[in-house]
C-alpha cells in the first residue's frame, strides 16, 4: 500500500503524461514508466510497467477524442496498425515479464535514443497529408504495426514513441496526423499489455485510478498545443528532445541503481 503523498505524486504525474500524450502521442508513454518507478516510488519494476500501461491506455483514449474533434485522425490507418500490433503486444509483454525489470528499463532507454535520432532526420519527399491506407500500402502498415506492438508489449508502454515514427515511415502522413492516429494503437497496445500484466498481479489499481484522473485534466491542453506547434514544424523537434531527455535520465538511473 502506497503513502498518500505517493498517490498525490501519481495524480501530478498523470497530468504530465496526459498533456504530453495528447501533444506528441509518444511523450506520455515514455514518461509513464519512469515517473511511476522513480517519482512515485513503486519499487517493483513490473508493477510500474503494468500500472503505466493501463494508465496510458486510458489517457490515450481521452487524447484521441480531442484529436478526433479536430479531424486529425486517420481512422483506417490507425485501425489497421492497432489490429496488427495487438498480437505483437501480447507476445512482447509475455516475454517482458520473464526478464529482470531493471534490464528492461535500460534496454527501453537505449531504444528511445535510436528512435529520437531517426525523428530528427528529414524525410525525402516530404509529408503526404491526403494519404489513405489501402491494399497498396497495407502490407507495410501491418508490418510496422506488428513490430511496434511487439516492442510496446515487451517494454510495457503504450508504444506511441514507436507508433508515430512507424505511421510516418509506412504512410508518409504529417506529424500531426500521426500523433492523432497513433492514439488508436496506443490505447489498444496499452490495454493488451495491462491485461496481461494484471493477470499476473502486476497492476496497482488505486494508483492507476489517480494517474488516469490526472491524465484527463492534463490531456485537455495537449491537443491544442500540438496543433499550434505543428504549424511551425516544431512538433518533430519537441518529440525528439523529450525522448533524449527521458532516455538520458533512465540510463543514468539504471547504471547507478
C-alpha atoms as a PDB file:
ATOM      1  CA  UNK A   1       0.000   0.000   0.000  1.00  0.00           C
ATOM      2  CA  UNK A   2       1.388   3.381  -1.006  1.00  0.00           C
ATOM      3  CA  UNK A   3       1.512   6.520   1.145  1.00  0.00           C
ATOM      4  CA  UNK A   4      -0.960   9.401   0.479  1.00  0.00           C
ATOM      5  CA  UNK A   5       1.853  11.601  -0.872  1.00  0.00           C
ATOM      6  CA  UNK A   6       2.662   8.903  -3.426  1.00  0.00           C
ATOM      7  CA  UNK A   7      -0.913   8.983  -4.716  1.00  0.00           C
ATOM      8  CA  UNK A   8      -0.660  12.777  -4.979  1.00  0.00           C
ATOM      9  CA  UNK A   9       2.557  12.393  -6.961  1.00  0.00           C
ATOM     10  CA  UNK A  10       0.737   9.819  -9.086  1.00  0.00           C
ATOM     11  CA  UNK A  11      -2.002  12.322  -9.943  1.00  0.00           C
ATOM     12  CA  UNK A  12       0.569  15.008 -10.812  1.00  0.00           C
ATOM     13  CA  UNK A  13       2.476  12.502 -12.936  1.00  0.00           C
ATOM     14  CA  UNK A  14      -0.758  11.561 -14.685  1.00  0.00           C
ATOM     15  CA  UNK A  15      -1.443  15.203 -15.556  1.00  0.00           C
ATOM     16  CA  UNK A  16       2.014  15.499 -17.118  1.00  0.00           C
ATOM     17  CA  UNK A  17       1.578  12.249 -19.025  1.00  0.00           C
ATOM     18  CA  UNK A  18      -1.897  13.218 -20.253  1.00  0.00           C
ATOM     19  CA  UNK A  19      -0.587  16.533 -21.564  1.00  0.00           C
ATOM     20  CA  UNK A  20       2.433  15.092 -23.355  1.00  0.00           C
ATOM     21  CA  UNK A  21       0.494  12.118 -24.703  1.00  0.00           C
ATOM     22  CA  UNK A  22      -2.006  14.434 -26.394  1.00  0.00           C
ATOM     23  CA  UNK A  23       0.864  16.694 -27.508  1.00  0.00           C
ATOM     24  CA  UNK A  24       3.201  14.199 -29.197  1.00  0.00           C
ATOM     25  CA  UNK A  25       1.446  10.822 -28.999  1.00  0.00           C
ATOM     26  CA  UNK A  26       4.523   9.086 -27.598  1.00  0.00           C
ATOM     27  CA  UNK A  27       5.600  11.505 -24.898  1.00  0.00           C
ATOM     28  CA  UNK A  28       3.110  10.241 -22.362  1.00  0.00           C
ATOM     29  CA  UNK A  29       4.067   6.642 -22.943  1.00  0.00           C
ATOM     30  CA  UNK A  30       7.790   7.128 -22.424  1.00  0.00           C
ATOM     31  CA  UNK A  31       7.230   9.245 -19.317  1.00  0.00           C
ATOM     32  CA  UNK A  32       4.762   6.977 -17.516  1.00  0.00           C
ATOM     33  CA  UNK A  33       7.143   4.143 -16.581  1.00  0.00           C
ATOM     34  CA  UNK A  34       9.984   6.297 -15.165  1.00  0.00           C
ATOM     35  CA  UNK A  35       7.534   8.597 -13.325  1.00  0.00           C
ATOM     36  CA  UNK A  36       5.831   5.668 -11.595  1.00  0.00           C
ATOM     37  CA  UNK A  37       9.129   3.927 -10.886  1.00  0.00           C
ATOM     38  CA  UNK A  38      11.250   6.909  -9.801  1.00  0.00           C
ATOM     39  CA  UNK A  39       8.972   9.803  -8.786  1.00  0.00           C
ATOM     40  CA  UNK A  40       6.040   7.908  -7.233  1.00  0.00           C
ATOM     41  CA  UNK A  41       8.460   5.316  -5.869  1.00  0.00           C
ATOM     42  CA  UNK A  42       6.974   1.999  -6.990  1.00  0.00           C
ATOM     43  CA  UNK A  43       9.889  -0.355  -6.332  1.00  0.00           C
ATOM     44  CA  UNK A  44       8.715  -3.339  -8.371  1.00  0.00           C
ATOM     45  CA  UNK A  45       9.569  -2.508 -11.985  1.00  0.00           C
ATOM     46  CA  UNK A  46       6.970  -4.947 -13.291  1.00  0.00           C
ATOM     47  CA  UNK A  47       4.217  -3.251 -11.255  1.00  0.00           C
ATOM     48  CA  UNK A  48       5.392   0.120 -12.596  1.00  0.00           C
ATOM     49  CA  UNK A  49       5.201  -1.242 -16.136  1.00  0.00           C
ATOM     50  CA  UNK A  50       1.787  -2.876 -15.723  1.00  0.00           C
ATOM     51  CA  UNK A  51       0.230   0.133 -13.982  1.00  0.00           C
ATOM     52  CA  UNK A  52       1.631   2.590 -16.517  1.00  0.00           C
ATOM     53  CA  UNK A  53       0.295   0.510 -19.404  1.00  0.00           C
ATOM     54  CA  UNK A  54      -3.242   0.706 -18.020  1.00  0.00           C
ATOM     55  CA  UNK A  55      -2.981   4.437 -17.311  1.00  0.00           C
ATOM     56  CA  UNK A  56      -1.539   5.182 -20.746  1.00  0.00           C
ATOM     57  CA  UNK A  57      -4.337   3.256 -22.468  1.00  0.00           C
ATOM     58  CA  UNK A  58      -6.990   5.306 -20.663  1.00  0.00           C
ATOM     59  CA  UNK A  59      -5.223   8.627 -21.213  1.00  0.00           C
ATOM     60  CA  UNK A  60      -4.715   7.803 -24.890  1.00  0.00           C
ATOM     61  CA  UNK A  61      -8.467   7.341 -25.290  1.00  0.00           C
ATOM     62  CA  UNK A  62      -9.017  10.804 -23.804  1.00  0.00           C
ATOM     63  CA  UNK A  63      -6.438  12.383 -26.130  1.00  0.00           C
ATOM     64  CA  UNK A  64      -7.909  10.549 -29.117  1.00  0.00           C
ATOM     65  CA  UNK A  65     -11.300  12.150 -28.500  1.00  0.00           C
ATOM     66  CA  UNK A  66      -9.729  15.609 -28.696  1.00  0.00           C
ATOM     67  CA  UNK A  67      -7.834  14.872 -31.915  1.00  0.00           C
ATOM     68  CA  UNK A  68     -10.948  13.317 -33.452  1.00  0.00           C
ATOM     69  CA  UNK A  69     -12.895  16.531 -32.869  1.00  0.00           C
ATOM     70  CA  UNK A  70     -10.129  18.393 -34.728  1.00  0.00           C
ATOM     71  CA  UNK A  71     -10.175  15.969 -37.679  1.00  0.00           C
ATOM     72  CA  UNK A  72      -6.522  14.910 -37.359  1.00  0.00           C
ATOM     73  CA  UNK A  73      -7.153  11.139 -37.070  1.00  0.00           C
ATOM     74  CA  UNK A  74      -6.725   8.700 -39.990  1.00  0.00           C
ATOM     75  CA  UNK A  75      -9.106   6.049 -38.691  1.00  0.00           C
ATOM     76  CA  UNK A  76      -8.449   3.284 -41.217  1.00  0.00           C
ATOM     77  CA  UNK A  77      -4.673   3.563 -40.844  1.00  0.00           C
ATOM     78  CA  UNK A  78      -4.954   3.588 -37.070  1.00  0.00           C
ATOM     79  CA  UNK A  79      -7.287   0.587 -37.056  1.00  0.00           C
ATOM     80  CA  UNK A  80      -5.020  -1.467 -39.304  1.00  0.00           C
ATOM     81  CA  UNK A  81      -1.949  -0.550 -37.285  1.00  0.00           C
ATOM     82  CA  UNK A  82      -3.636  -1.377 -33.976  1.00  0.00           C
ATOM     83  CA  UNK A  83      -5.078  -4.696 -35.184  1.00  0.00           C
ATOM     84  CA  UNK A  84      -1.671  -5.921 -36.338  1.00  0.00           C
ATOM     85  CA  UNK A  85       0.009  -4.691 -33.168  1.00  0.00           C
ATOM     86  CA  UNK A  86      -2.275  -6.341 -30.616  1.00  0.00           C
ATOM     87  CA  UNK A  87      -0.847  -9.799 -31.342  1.00  0.00           C
ATOM     88  CA  UNK A  88       2.666  -8.383 -31.145  1.00  0.00           C
ATOM     89  CA  UNK A  89       1.893  -6.585 -27.868  1.00  0.00           C
ATOM     90  CA  UNK A  90       0.620  -9.780 -26.241  1.00  0.00           C
ATOM     91  CA  UNK A  91       3.696 -11.756 -27.299  1.00  0.00           C
ATOM     92  CA  UNK A  92       6.065  -8.949 -26.328  1.00  0.00           C
ATOM     93  CA  UNK A  93       4.527  -8.462 -22.866  1.00  0.00           C
ATOM     94  CA  UNK A  94       4.692 -12.206 -22.193  1.00  0.00           C
ATOM     95  CA  UNK A  95       8.420 -12.158 -22.939  1.00  0.00           C
ATOM     96  CA  UNK A  96       8.980  -8.925 -20.995  1.00  0.00           C
ATOM     97  CA  UNK A  97       7.586 -10.400 -17.766  1.00  0.00           C
ATOM     98  CA  UNK A  98      10.302 -13.060 -17.863  1.00  0.00           C
ATOM     99  CA  UNK A  99      13.167 -10.536 -17.913  1.00  0.00           C
ATOM    100  CA  UNK A 100      14.580  -8.722 -14.862  1.00  0.00           C
ATOM    101  CA  UNK A 101      12.874  -5.330 -14.511  1.00  0.00           C
ATOM    102  CA  UNK A 102      15.928  -3.049 -14.339  1.00  0.00           C
ATOM    103  CA  UNK A 103      17.326  -4.601 -17.511  1.00  0.00           C
ATOM    104  CA  UNK A 104      14.045  -3.788 -19.256  1.00  0.00           C
ATOM    105  CA  UNK A 105      14.278  -0.114 -18.297  1.00  0.00           C
ATOM    106  CA  UNK A 106      17.847   0.183 -19.593  1.00  0.00           C
ATOM    107  CA  UNK A 107      17.011  -1.512 -22.913  1.00  0.00           C
ATOM    108  CA  UNK A 108      13.980   0.759 -23.210  1.00  0.00           C
ATOM    109  CA  UNK A 109      16.140   3.878 -22.774  1.00  0.00           C
ATOM    110  CA  UNK A 110      18.680   2.776 -25.397  1.00  0.00           C
ATOM    111  CA  UNK A 111      15.904   2.123 -27.906  1.00  0.00           C
ATOM    112  CA  UNK A 112      14.473   5.593 -27.239  1.00  0.00           C
ATOM    113  CA  UNK A 113      17.799   7.227 -28.179  1.00  0.00           C
ATOM    114  CA  UNK A 114      17.785   5.480 -31.564  1.00  0.00           C
ATOM    115  CA  UNK A 115      14.186   6.480 -32.292  1.00  0.00           C
ATOM    116  CA  UNK A 116      14.819  10.107 -31.291  1.00  0.00           C
ATOM    117  CA  UNK A 117      17.718  10.318 -33.732  1.00  0.00           C
ATOM    118  CA  UNK A 118      15.546   8.956 -36.543  1.00  0.00           C
ATOM    119  CA  UNK A 119      12.830  11.548 -35.861  1.00  0.00           C
ATOM    120  CA  UNK A 120      15.303  14.404 -36.419  1.00  0.00           C
ATOM    121  CA  UNK A 121      16.141  13.187 -39.923  1.00  0.00           C
ATOM    122  CA  UNK A 122      14.396  14.980 -42.767  1.00  0.00           C
ATOM    123  CA  UNK A 123      12.207  12.607 -44.772  1.00  0.00           C
ATOM    124  CA  UNK A 124      12.719  12.509 -48.553  1.00  0.00           C
ATOM    125  CA  UNK A 125       9.628  13.514 -50.496  1.00  0.00           C
ATOM    126  CA  UNK A 126       8.008  15.448 -47.635  1.00  0.00           C
ATOM    127  CA  UNK A 127       4.647  14.855 -45.981  1.00  0.00           C
ATOM    128  CA  UNK A 128       1.546  13.379 -47.652  1.00  0.00           C
ATOM    129  CA  UNK A 129      -1.442  14.938 -45.832  1.00  0.00           C
ATOM    130  CA  UNK A 130      -4.014  13.243 -48.112  1.00  0.00           C
ATOM    131  CA  UNK A 131      -2.629   9.708 -47.732  1.00  0.00           C
ATOM    132  CA  UNK A 132      -5.089   6.889 -47.050  1.00  0.00           C
ATOM    133  CA  UNK A 133      -4.446   3.265 -46.100  1.00  0.00           C
ATOM    134  CA  UNK A 134      -5.484   0.760 -48.775  1.00  0.00           C
ATOM    135  CA  UNK A 135      -4.377  -2.510 -50.382  1.00  0.00           C
ATOM    136  CA  UNK A 136      -1.272  -0.866 -51.815  1.00  0.00           C
ATOM    137  CA  UNK A 137       0.322   0.160 -48.534  1.00  0.00           C
ATOM    138  CA  UNK A 138      -1.487  -2.327 -46.255  1.00  0.00           C
ATOM    139  CA  UNK A 139       1.431  -4.829 -46.031  1.00  0.00           C
ATOM    140  CA  UNK A 140       3.817  -2.067 -44.956  1.00  0.00           C
ATOM    141  CA  UNK A 141       1.371  -0.605 -42.419  1.00  0.00           C
ATOM    142  CA  UNK A 142       0.549  -4.036 -40.981  1.00  0.00           C
ATOM    143  CA  UNK A 143       4.226  -4.988 -40.794  1.00  0.00           C
ATOM    144  CA  UNK A 144       5.150  -1.837 -38.901  1.00  0.00           C
ATOM    145  CA  UNK A 145       2.139  -2.352 -36.644  1.00  0.00           C
ATOM    146  CA  UNK A 146       3.136  -5.914 -35.769  1.00  0.00           C
ATOM    147  CA  UNK A 147       6.714  -4.951 -34.970  1.00  0.00           C
ATOM    148  CA  UNK A 148       5.709  -1.880 -32.986  1.00  0.00           C
ATOM    149  CA  UNK A 149       3.220  -3.909 -30.971  1.00  0.00           C
ATOM    150  CA  UNK A 150       5.903  -6.415 -30.024  1.00  0.00           C
ATOM    151  CA  UNK A 151       8.230  -3.664 -28.771  1.00  0.00           C
ATOM    152  CA  UNK A 152       5.336  -1.957 -26.991  1.00  0.00           C
ATOM    153  CA  UNK A 153       4.390  -5.085 -25.071  1.00  0.00           C
ATOM    154  CA  UNK A 154       7.997  -6.032 -24.329  1.00  0.00           C
ATOM    155  CA  UNK A 155       8.784  -2.673 -22.715  1.00  0.00           C
ATOM    156  CA  UNK A 156       5.324  -2.253 -21.153  1.00  0.00           C
ATOM    157  CA  UNK A 157       4.480   1.065 -22.828  1.00  0.00           C
ATOM    158  CA  UNK A 158       1.634   2.366 -24.924  1.00  0.00           C
ATOM    159  CA  UNK A 159       4.102   2.451 -27.802  1.00  0.00           C
ATOM    160  CA  UNK A 160       3.374   5.929 -29.139  1.00  0.00           C
ATOM    161  CA  UNK A 161       7.041   6.857 -29.370  1.00  0.00           C
ATOM    162  CA  UNK A 162       7.378   3.962 -31.836  1.00  0.00           C
ATOM    163  CA  UNK A 163       3.923   4.193 -33.431  1.00  0.00           C
ATOM    164  CA  UNK A 164       4.289   7.824 -34.532  1.00  0.00           C
ATOM    165  CA  UNK A 165       7.558   7.181 -36.453  1.00  0.00           C
ATOM    166  CA  UNK A 166       6.085   3.884 -37.726  1.00  0.00           C
ATOM    167  CA  UNK A 167       2.996   5.579 -39.147  1.00  0.00           C
ATOM    168  CA  UNK A 168       5.106   8.276 -40.775  1.00  0.00           C
ATOM    169  CA  UNK A 169       7.513   5.703 -42.258  1.00  0.00           C
ATOM    170  CA  UNK A 170       4.762   3.418 -43.567  1.00  0.00           C
ATOM    171  CA  UNK A 171       2.372   6.070 -44.937  1.00  0.00           C
ATOM    172  CA  UNK A 172       4.167   9.428 -45.190  1.00  0.00           C
ATOM    173  CA  UNK A 173       1.422  11.236 -43.235  1.00  0.00           C
ATOM    174  CA  UNK A 174       2.298  14.532 -41.471  1.00  0.00           C
ATOM    175  CA  UNK A 175       3.410  14.521 -37.853  1.00  0.00           C
ATOM    176  CA  UNK A 176       0.136  15.983 -36.530  1.00  0.00           C
ATOM    177  CA  UNK A 177      -1.923  13.253 -38.231  1.00  0.00           C
ATOM    178  CA  UNK A 178       0.495  10.601 -36.995  1.00  0.00           C
ATOM    179  CA  UNK A 179       0.115  11.863 -33.408  1.00  0.00           C
ATOM    180  CA  UNK A 180      -3.695  11.764 -33.534  1.00  0.00           C
ATOM    181  CA  UNK A 181      -3.834   8.432 -35.374  1.00  0.00           C
ATOM    182  CA  UNK A 182      -1.244   6.836 -33.101  1.00  0.00           C
ATOM    183  CA  UNK A 183      -3.552   7.178 -30.106  1.00  0.00           C
ATOM    184  CA  UNK A 184      -5.805   4.431 -31.513  1.00  0.00           C
ATOM    185  CA  UNK A 185      -2.918   1.980 -31.382  1.00  0.00           C
ATOM    186  CA  UNK A 186      -1.515   3.400 -28.112  1.00  0.00           C
ATOM    187  CA  UNK A 187      -4.816   2.665 -26.376  1.00  0.00           C
ATOM    188  CA  UNK A 188      -5.066  -0.828 -27.898  1.00  0.00           C
ATOM    189  CA  UNK A 189      -1.451  -1.795 -27.164  1.00  0.00           C
ATOM    190  CA  UNK A 190      -1.550  -0.378 -23.643  1.00  0.00           C
ATOM    191  CA  UNK A 191      -4.759  -2.214 -22.774  1.00  0.00           C
ATOM    192  CA  UNK A 192      -3.421  -5.510 -24.159  1.00  0.00           C
ATOM    193  CA  UNK A 193      -0.224  -5.171 -22.136  1.00  0.00           C
ATOM    194  CA  UNK A 194      -2.083  -4.063 -18.991  1.00  0.00           C
ATOM    195  CA  UNK A 195      -4.454  -7.027 -19.088  1.00  0.00           C
ATOM    196  CA  UNK A 196      -1.531  -9.416 -19.463  1.00  0.00           C
ATOM    197  CA  UNK A 197       0.320  -7.841 -16.512  1.00  0.00           C
ATOM    198  CA  UNK A 198      -2.884  -7.651 -14.436  1.00  0.00           C
ATOM    199  CA  UNK A 199      -3.347 -11.390 -14.909  1.00  0.00           C
ATOM    200  CA  UNK A 200      -0.028 -11.831 -13.094  1.00  0.00           C
ATOM    201  CA  UNK A 201      -0.908  -9.299 -10.351  1.00  0.00           C
ATOM    202  CA  UNK A 202       1.362  -6.545 -11.676  1.00  0.00           C
ATOM    203  CA  UNK A 203      -1.141  -3.620 -11.637  1.00  0.00           C
ATOM    204  CA  UNK A 204      -1.693  -1.203  -8.725  1.00  0.00           C
ATOM    205  CA  UNK A 205      -5.351  -0.333  -9.384  1.00  0.00           C
ATOM    206  CA  UNK A 206      -5.610   2.568  -6.920  1.00  0.00           C
ATOM    207  CA  UNK A 207      -2.502   4.249  -8.336  1.00  0.00           C
ATOM    208  CA  UNK A 208      -3.772   3.677 -11.877  1.00  0.00           C
ATOM    209  CA  UNK A 209      -7.057   5.413 -10.969  1.00  0.00           C
ATOM    210  CA  UNK A 210      -5.438   8.616  -9.684  1.00  0.00           C
ATOM    211  CA  UNK A 211      -2.930   8.568 -12.535  1.00  0.00           C
ATOM    212  CA  UNK A 212      -5.765   8.373 -15.074  1.00  0.00           C
ATOM    213  CA  UNK A 213      -7.680  11.154 -13.308  1.00  0.00           C
ATOM    214  CA  UNK A 214      -4.693  13.462 -13.547  1.00  0.00           C
ATOM    215  CA  UNK A 215      -4.193  12.455 -17.167  1.00  0.00           C
ATOM    216  CA  UNK A 216      -7.713  13.504 -18.158  1.00  0.00           C
ATOM    217  CA  UNK A 217      -7.018  17.015 -16.839  1.00  0.00           C
ATOM    218  CA  UNK A 218      -3.578  17.250 -18.451  1.00  0.00           C
ATOM    219  CA  UNK A 219      -4.824  15.958 -21.783  1.00  0.00           C
ATOM    220  CA  UNK A 220      -7.234  18.871 -22.233  1.00  0.00           C
ATOM    221  CA  UNK A 221      -4.418  21.219 -23.217  1.00  0.00           C
ATOM    222  CA  UNK A 222      -2.134  18.794 -25.025  1.00  0.00           C
ATOM    223  CA  UNK A 223      -4.119  18.582 -28.260  1.00  0.00           C
ATOM    224  CA  UNK A 224      -4.372  22.349 -28.663  1.00  0.00           C
ATOM    225  CA  UNK A 225      -0.633  22.735 -28.059  1.00  0.00           C
ATOM    226  CA  UNK A 226       0.100  20.051 -30.683  1.00  0.00           C
ATOM    227  CA  UNK A 227      -1.874  21.930 -33.334  1.00  0.00           C
ATOM    228  CA  UNK A 228      -0.004  25.175 -32.604  1.00  0.00           C
ATOM    229  CA  UNK A 229       3.428  23.541 -32.724  1.00  0.00           C
ATOM    230  CA  UNK A 230       2.621  21.622 -35.909  1.00  0.00           C
ATOM    231  CA  UNK A 231       2.086  24.879 -37.822  1.00  0.00           C
ATOM    232  CA  UNK A 232       5.690  25.918 -37.230  1.00  0.00           C
ATOM    233  CA  UNK A 233       7.179  22.464 -37.804  1.00  0.00           C
ATOM    234  CA  UNK A 234       8.399  22.280 -34.214  1.00  0.00           C
ATOM    235  CA  UNK A 235       6.442  19.170 -33.219  1.00  0.00           C
ATOM    236  CA  UNK A 236       9.091  16.741 -34.523  1.00  0.00           C
ATOM    237  CA  UNK A 237      11.842  18.515 -32.587  1.00  0.00           C
ATOM    238  CA  UNK A 238       9.817  18.586 -29.368  1.00  0.00           C
ATOM    239  CA  UNK A 239       9.154  14.852 -29.785  1.00  0.00           C
ATOM    240  CA  UNK A 240      12.833  14.016 -30.265  1.00  0.00           C
ATOM    241  CA  UNK A 241      14.099  16.264 -27.461  1.00  0.00           C
ATOM    242  CA  UNK A 242      11.647  14.762 -24.995  1.00  0.00           C
ATOM    243  CA  UNK A 243      12.847  11.272 -25.897  1.00  0.00           C
ATOM    244  CA  UNK A 244      16.522  12.214 -25.427  1.00  0.00           C
ATOM    245  CA  UNK A 245      15.962  13.844 -22.014  1.00  0.00           C
ATOM    246  CA  UNK A 246      13.973  10.952 -20.565  1.00  0.00           C
ATOM    247  CA  UNK A 247      16.316   8.343 -22.070  1.00  0.00           C
ATOM    248  CA  UNK A 248      19.377  10.037 -20.573  1.00  0.00           C
ATOM    249  CA  UNK A 249      17.764  10.087 -17.132  1.00  0.00           C
ATOM    250  CA  UNK A 250      16.712   6.434 -17.332  1.00  0.00           C
ATOM    251  CA  UNK A 251      20.194   5.335 -18.453  1.00  0.00           C
ATOM    252  CA  UNK A 252      21.755   7.273 -15.578  1.00  0.00           C
ATOM    253  CA  UNK A 253      19.369   5.745 -13.031  1.00  0.00           C
ATOM    254  CA  UNK A 254      19.820   2.236 -14.406  1.00  0.00           C
ATOM    255  CA  UNK A 255      23.622   2.418 -14.364  1.00  0.00           C
ATOM    256  CA  UNK A 256      23.701   3.933 -10.863  1.00  0.00           C
ATOM    257  CA  UNK A 257      20.806   1.944  -9.410  1.00  0.00           C
END
